[in-house]
N, C-alpha and C. Protein backbone atom coordinates (compact mmCIF):
# COMPACT_ATOMS: atom_id res chain seq x y z
N MET A 1 -8.91 1.38 -5.91
CA MET A 1 -8.22 1.23 -4.65
C MET A 1 -6.71 1.21 -4.87
N PHE A 2 -6.27 0.47 -5.88
CA PHE A 2 -4.84 0.39 -6.15
C PHE A 2 -4.30 1.73 -6.61
N ASP A 3 -5.07 2.42 -7.45
CA ASP A 3 -4.65 3.75 -7.92
C ASP A 3 -4.60 4.74 -6.77
N LEU A 4 -5.55 4.66 -5.87
CA LEU A 4 -5.56 5.54 -4.70
C LEU A 4 -4.30 5.35 -3.87
N TYR A 5 -3.94 4.09 -3.67
CA TYR A 5 -2.76 3.80 -2.86
C TYR A 5 -1.49 4.27 -3.56
N THR A 6 -1.44 4.08 -4.87
CA THR A 6 -0.27 4.52 -5.63
C THR A 6 -0.12 6.04 -5.53
N ALA A 7 -1.25 6.75 -5.58
CA ALA A 7 -1.22 8.21 -5.54
C ALA A 7 -0.87 8.76 -4.15
N SER A 8 -1.43 8.15 -3.11
CA SER A 8 -1.24 8.71 -1.77
C SER A 8 -0.16 8.00 -0.96
N GLN A 9 -0.06 6.69 -1.11
CA GLN A 9 0.86 5.82 -0.38
C GLN A 9 0.59 5.82 1.13
N PHE A 10 -0.58 6.28 1.51
CA PHE A 10 -0.99 6.22 2.91
C PHE A 10 -2.26 5.40 3.02
N LEU A 11 -2.17 4.28 3.70
CA LEU A 11 -3.31 3.38 3.81
C LEU A 11 -4.51 4.07 4.45
N ALA A 12 -4.29 4.84 5.49
CA ALA A 12 -5.40 5.53 6.16
C ALA A 12 -6.13 6.47 5.21
N GLN A 13 -5.40 7.14 4.35
CA GLN A 13 -6.01 8.05 3.39
C GLN A 13 -6.85 7.28 2.37
N VAL A 14 -6.36 6.14 1.94
CA VAL A 14 -7.11 5.30 1.01
C VAL A 14 -8.41 4.84 1.65
N VAL A 15 -8.34 4.38 2.88
CA VAL A 15 -9.53 3.91 3.59
C VAL A 15 -10.54 5.04 3.75
N ASP A 16 -10.07 6.21 4.12
CA ASP A 16 -10.97 7.37 4.28
C ASP A 16 -11.67 7.71 2.96
N THR A 17 -10.93 7.70 1.88
CA THR A 17 -11.50 8.01 0.56
C THR A 17 -12.52 6.97 0.14
N ILE A 18 -12.21 5.71 0.35
CA ILE A 18 -13.14 4.63 0.00
C ILE A 18 -14.42 4.75 0.82
N ASN A 19 -14.28 5.03 2.09
CA ASN A 19 -15.45 5.12 2.96
C ASN A 19 -16.36 6.31 2.64
N LEU A 20 -15.84 7.31 1.96
CA LEU A 20 -16.68 8.43 1.53
C LEU A 20 -17.64 8.02 0.41
N GLN A 21 -17.25 7.00 -0.36
CA GLN A 21 -18.02 6.61 -1.53
C GLN A 21 -18.66 5.23 -1.45
N TYR A 22 -18.08 4.34 -0.68
CA TYR A 22 -18.52 2.94 -0.69
C TYR A 22 -18.72 2.40 0.71
N ARG A 23 -19.53 1.36 0.80
CA ARG A 23 -19.74 0.60 2.02
C ARG A 23 -19.56 -0.88 1.70
N THR A 24 -19.35 -1.67 2.71
CA THR A 24 -19.26 -3.12 2.52
C THR A 24 -20.64 -3.66 2.18
N GLN A 25 -20.71 -4.93 1.86
CA GLN A 25 -22.00 -5.55 1.53
C GLN A 25 -22.98 -5.46 2.69
N LYS A 26 -22.47 -5.39 3.90
CA LYS A 26 -23.33 -5.28 5.08
C LYS A 26 -23.62 -3.83 5.45
N GLY A 27 -23.17 -2.88 4.61
CA GLY A 27 -23.43 -1.48 4.85
C GLY A 27 -22.50 -0.81 5.84
N ARG A 28 -21.42 -1.47 6.17
CA ARG A 28 -20.46 -0.93 7.14
C ARG A 28 -19.32 -0.20 6.44
N SER A 29 -18.55 0.56 7.21
CA SER A 29 -17.35 1.20 6.70
C SER A 29 -16.27 0.15 6.46
N TRP A 30 -15.41 0.44 5.50
CA TRP A 30 -14.29 -0.45 5.25
C TRP A 30 -13.26 -0.31 6.36
N ALA A 31 -12.75 -1.42 6.83
CA ALA A 31 -11.73 -1.42 7.87
C ALA A 31 -10.35 -1.33 7.23
N LYS A 32 -9.44 -0.73 7.93
CA LYS A 32 -8.07 -0.57 7.44
C LYS A 32 -7.44 -1.94 7.14
N THR A 33 -7.70 -2.91 8.00
CA THR A 33 -7.12 -4.25 7.80
C THR A 33 -7.69 -4.93 6.55
N THR A 34 -8.95 -4.67 6.24
CA THR A 34 -9.56 -5.26 5.05
C THR A 34 -8.92 -4.69 3.79
N VAL A 35 -8.74 -3.38 3.75
CA VAL A 35 -8.12 -2.73 2.59
C VAL A 35 -6.68 -3.20 2.45
N GLU A 36 -5.97 -3.31 3.55
CA GLU A 36 -4.58 -3.79 3.52
C GLU A 36 -4.51 -5.22 2.97
N THR A 37 -5.45 -6.05 3.36
CA THR A 37 -5.50 -7.43 2.88
C THR A 37 -5.72 -7.47 1.37
N ILE A 38 -6.61 -6.63 0.89
CA ILE A 38 -6.88 -6.58 -0.56
C ILE A 38 -5.64 -6.10 -1.30
N LEU A 39 -5.02 -5.05 -0.81
CA LEU A 39 -3.84 -4.50 -1.47
C LEU A 39 -2.66 -5.46 -1.47
N SER A 40 -2.60 -6.36 -0.51
CA SER A 40 -1.46 -7.28 -0.42
C SER A 40 -1.75 -8.64 -1.03
N ASN A 41 -2.90 -8.80 -1.68
CA ASN A 41 -3.27 -10.08 -2.25
C ASN A 41 -2.74 -10.20 -3.67
N PRO A 42 -1.81 -11.14 -3.93
CA PRO A 42 -1.21 -11.26 -5.26
C PRO A 42 -2.18 -11.76 -6.33
N ILE A 43 -3.33 -12.23 -5.95
CA ILE A 43 -4.28 -12.76 -6.92
C ILE A 43 -4.74 -11.69 -7.91
N TYR A 44 -4.74 -10.42 -7.49
CA TYR A 44 -5.17 -9.34 -8.38
C TYR A 44 -4.18 -9.09 -9.50
N ALA A 45 -2.97 -9.58 -9.38
CA ALA A 45 -1.95 -9.45 -10.42
C ALA A 45 -1.88 -10.71 -11.28
N GLY A 46 -2.84 -11.60 -11.13
CA GLY A 46 -2.88 -12.81 -11.96
C GLY A 46 -2.03 -13.94 -11.45
N THR A 47 -1.61 -13.86 -10.19
CA THR A 47 -0.79 -14.93 -9.62
C THR A 47 -1.53 -15.58 -8.45
N VAL A 48 -1.10 -16.75 -8.10
CA VAL A 48 -1.64 -17.44 -6.94
C VAL A 48 -0.47 -17.85 -6.05
N SER A 49 -0.73 -17.93 -4.77
CA SER A 49 0.29 -18.31 -3.81
C SER A 49 0.00 -19.73 -3.32
N PHE A 50 1.06 -20.55 -3.30
CA PHE A 50 0.94 -21.92 -2.81
C PHE A 50 2.23 -22.27 -2.11
N ASN A 51 2.14 -22.65 -0.83
CA ASN A 51 3.31 -23.01 -0.03
C ASN A 51 4.40 -21.94 -0.07
N GLY A 52 3.99 -20.69 -0.01
CA GLY A 52 4.95 -19.60 0.04
C GLY A 52 5.56 -19.23 -1.30
N GLN A 53 5.12 -19.85 -2.37
CA GLN A 53 5.63 -19.56 -3.70
C GLN A 53 4.51 -18.96 -4.55
N LEU A 54 4.89 -18.13 -5.51
CA LEU A 54 3.92 -17.53 -6.43
C LEU A 54 3.98 -18.23 -7.77
N PHE A 55 2.81 -18.46 -8.33
CA PHE A 55 2.70 -19.09 -9.64
C PHE A 55 1.72 -18.29 -10.49
N ASP A 56 1.92 -18.34 -11.81
CA ASP A 56 0.95 -17.70 -12.69
C ASP A 56 -0.38 -18.40 -12.54
N GLY A 57 -1.44 -17.62 -12.41
CA GLY A 57 -2.77 -18.17 -12.32
C GLY A 57 -3.37 -18.34 -13.70
N THR A 58 -4.50 -18.98 -13.75
CA THR A 58 -5.21 -19.14 -15.03
C THR A 58 -6.20 -18.00 -15.24
N HIS A 59 -6.30 -17.11 -14.27
CA HIS A 59 -7.21 -15.98 -14.36
C HIS A 59 -6.49 -14.73 -14.87
N GLU A 60 -7.28 -13.81 -15.41
CA GLU A 60 -6.73 -12.57 -15.92
C GLU A 60 -6.32 -11.64 -14.78
N ALA A 61 -5.19 -10.99 -14.95
CA ALA A 61 -4.73 -10.02 -13.95
C ALA A 61 -5.58 -8.76 -14.03
N LEU A 62 -5.97 -8.24 -12.87
CA LEU A 62 -6.73 -7.00 -12.82
C LEU A 62 -5.81 -5.78 -12.76
N ILE A 63 -4.60 -6.00 -12.28
CA ILE A 63 -3.59 -4.94 -12.24
C ILE A 63 -2.28 -5.53 -12.73
N PRO A 64 -1.41 -4.72 -13.33
CA PRO A 64 -0.12 -5.25 -13.82
C PRO A 64 0.78 -5.71 -12.67
N TYR A 65 1.57 -6.73 -12.95
CA TYR A 65 2.47 -7.27 -11.94
C TYR A 65 3.45 -6.22 -11.45
N ASP A 66 3.92 -5.34 -12.36
CA ASP A 66 4.88 -4.31 -11.95
C ASP A 66 4.26 -3.33 -10.96
N LEU A 67 2.94 -3.12 -11.05
CA LEU A 67 2.27 -2.28 -10.07
C LEU A 67 2.25 -2.97 -8.70
N VAL A 68 2.05 -4.27 -8.72
CA VAL A 68 2.08 -5.04 -7.48
C VAL A 68 3.44 -4.86 -6.80
N CYS A 69 4.49 -4.97 -7.57
CA CYS A 69 5.84 -4.81 -7.02
C CYS A 69 6.06 -3.39 -6.53
N ALA A 70 5.59 -2.42 -7.30
CA ALA A 70 5.77 -1.02 -6.92
C ALA A 70 5.03 -0.69 -5.63
N LEU A 71 3.90 -1.28 -5.43
CA LEU A 71 3.13 -1.04 -4.21
C LEU A 71 3.71 -1.78 -3.02
N GLY A 72 4.64 -2.65 -3.25
CA GLY A 72 5.23 -3.40 -2.14
C GLY A 72 4.27 -4.41 -1.57
N MET A 73 3.38 -4.92 -2.42
CA MET A 73 2.35 -5.83 -1.95
C MET A 73 2.89 -7.20 -1.57
N MET A 74 3.90 -7.61 -2.27
CA MET A 74 4.43 -8.94 -2.00
C MET A 74 5.69 -8.81 -1.16
N LYS A 75 5.54 -9.05 0.11
CA LYS A 75 6.64 -8.84 1.04
C LYS A 75 7.67 -9.96 0.97
N LYS A 76 7.21 -11.16 0.80
CA LYS A 76 8.13 -12.28 0.74
C LYS A 76 7.81 -13.10 -0.50
N VAL A 77 8.64 -12.93 -1.49
CA VAL A 77 8.47 -13.71 -2.73
C VAL A 77 9.70 -14.60 -2.84
N ARG A 78 9.49 -15.87 -2.62
CA ARG A 78 10.62 -16.80 -2.67
C ARG A 78 10.90 -17.26 -4.09
N SER A 79 9.81 -17.44 -4.85
CA SER A 79 9.99 -17.95 -6.19
C SER A 79 8.81 -17.52 -7.05
N HIS A 80 9.07 -17.23 -8.30
CA HIS A 80 7.99 -16.88 -9.22
C HIS A 80 8.21 -17.65 -10.51
N VAL A 81 7.21 -18.38 -10.92
CA VAL A 81 7.29 -19.20 -12.12
C VAL A 81 6.48 -18.52 -13.21
N HIS A 82 7.08 -18.30 -14.38
CA HIS A 82 6.38 -17.71 -15.53
C HIS A 82 5.93 -18.80 -16.44
């Protein structure tokens, strides 16, 4: 999903591509808002959000933090603790 967005940079195109291959657990098509929520979630980069601040999580990052920044996923980052 992240690679698709990086390649196309159009959310609608990502959703269309995902829906050609995958369905939700309930067998439905993926909604644009659901995909947008996933793409904007900092947890996939190994961080957690608390009170508007980002902190390193104890979990492994699934995507590099620089990719998160490049995708513009984190709109408001007030503070980041390493």
